[in-house]
Every structure is written in C-alpha cells, then in structure tokens.
Amino acid sequence: KADSAPYRPLKARRPRIRGPYVSWVQERVGAVVDGVYGPATADAVADWQANHGLVADGIVGPMTHKSLEKGSV
C-alpha cells in the first residue's frame, strides 16, 4: 500500500536514525526529505502532532504513525 509503511518508533537522537521510513514520515509532515531523523524533522513531527490532536513530543510512536497513515487522527 503506497500510503503506509512498516511502523517503528522514531525520535531525534545520536546517531541519527536514517532510512526510507524516515523519508516516508518527512513527506507526510512536510519536512525536508533527506532520510535523516534530526531536530528539524522532530519539530515538523511535533507541529503535525499538535495540529492533529496528539501529544506534540516530536516522537513517532504508534498513535502518530497511525495518524500519518490516515493523514489525520
């Protein structure tokens, strides 16, 4: 399915999490798509969360992932 991706938790940390799942998240939250989960992506995720009734912590957990798949909560 084009609008979904296998879930895995994401948060800004060192070393940075990288890969296609990060790019998938970045596309959905309107971040620069570089495949690296850094502070700018975490901020974009937090904005997405705040605008979709989720806890704005910048962490892609199960609820945020589900919201990203649907495009909303």
Protein backbone atom coordinates (compact mmCIF):
# COMPACT_ATOMS: atom_id res chain seq x y z
CA LYS A 1 0.00 0.00 0.00
CA ALA A 2 1.55 3.31 -1.09
CA ASP A 3 0.25 5.36 1.85
CA SER A 4 1.61 3.11 4.58
CA ALA A 5 4.96 2.00 5.90
CA PRO A 6 6.04 -0.54 8.50
CA TYR A 7 5.94 1.14 11.91
CA ARG A 8 9.00 1.69 14.04
CA PRO A 9 9.43 4.31 16.77
CA LEU A 10 11.40 7.39 15.76
CA LYS A 11 12.91 10.19 17.81
CA ALA A 12 15.79 12.60 17.40
CA ARG A 13 18.91 11.03 18.87
CA ARG A 14 22.55 10.38 18.07
CA PRO A 15 23.43 8.59 15.95
CA ARG A 16 20.58 9.84 13.77
CA ILE A 17 18.01 7.34 12.57
CA ARG A 18 18.13 7.11 8.78
CA GLY A 19 16.30 5.35 6.03
CA PRO A 20 13.21 5.09 3.86
CA TYR A 21 10.80 5.09 6.81
CA VAL A 22 12.22 8.44 7.93
CA SER A 23 11.68 9.78 4.39
CA TRP A 24 8.10 8.47 4.48
CA VAL A 25 7.48 10.36 7.74
CA GLN A 26 9.18 13.51 6.42
CA GLU A 27 6.97 13.54 3.31
CA ARG A 28 3.82 13.35 5.42
CA VAL A 29 4.76 16.04 7.93
CA GLY A 30 6.10 18.49 5.35
CA ALA A 31 9.74 18.27 6.42
CA VAL A 32 12.74 18.37 4.11
CA VAL A 33 13.03 14.81 2.81
CA ASP A 34 16.62 13.77 3.44
CA GLY A 35 16.02 10.43 5.17
CA VAL A 36 17.61 11.60 8.44
CA TYR A 37 15.54 11.99 11.62
CA GLY A 38 17.10 15.07 13.20
CA PRO A 39 15.85 18.10 15.14
CA ALA A 40 14.14 19.72 12.14
CA THR A 41 12.16 16.55 11.45
CA ALA A 42 11.29 16.20 15.13
CA ASP A 43 9.98 19.80 15.08
CA ALA A 44 7.89 19.08 11.96
CA VAL A 45 6.52 15.93 13.62
CA ALA A 46 5.66 17.94 16.76
CA ASP A 47 3.81 20.50 14.61
CA TRP A 48 1.91 17.68 12.86
CA GLN A 49 1.03 16.16 16.22
CA ALA A 50 -0.20 19.48 17.64
CA ASN A 51 -2.36 20.05 14.57
CA HIS A 52 -3.86 16.56 14.76
CA GLY A 53 -4.77 16.34 18.44
CA LEU A 54 -1.76 14.30 19.53
CA VAL A 55 0.86 14.91 22.21
CA ALA A 56 3.39 17.17 20.49
CA ASP A 57 6.58 15.43 21.58
CA GLY A 58 8.28 15.01 18.18
CA ILE A 59 8.40 11.24 18.62
CA VAL A 60 6.78 8.98 16.04
CA GLY A 61 5.05 6.43 18.25
CA PRO A 62 2.13 4.16 17.35
CA MET A 63 -0.56 6.87 17.50
CA THR A 64 1.45 9.29 15.38
CA HIS A 65 2.25 6.56 12.87
CA LYS A 66 -1.44 5.67 12.58
CA SER A 67 -2.31 9.35 12.11
CA LEU A 68 0.35 9.71 9.40
CA GLU A 69 -1.05 6.69 7.56
CA LYS A 70 -4.54 8.17 7.60
CA GLY A 71 -3.44 11.76 7.07
CA SER A 72 -5.27 12.67 10.30
CA VAL A 73 -6.29 11.13 13.64
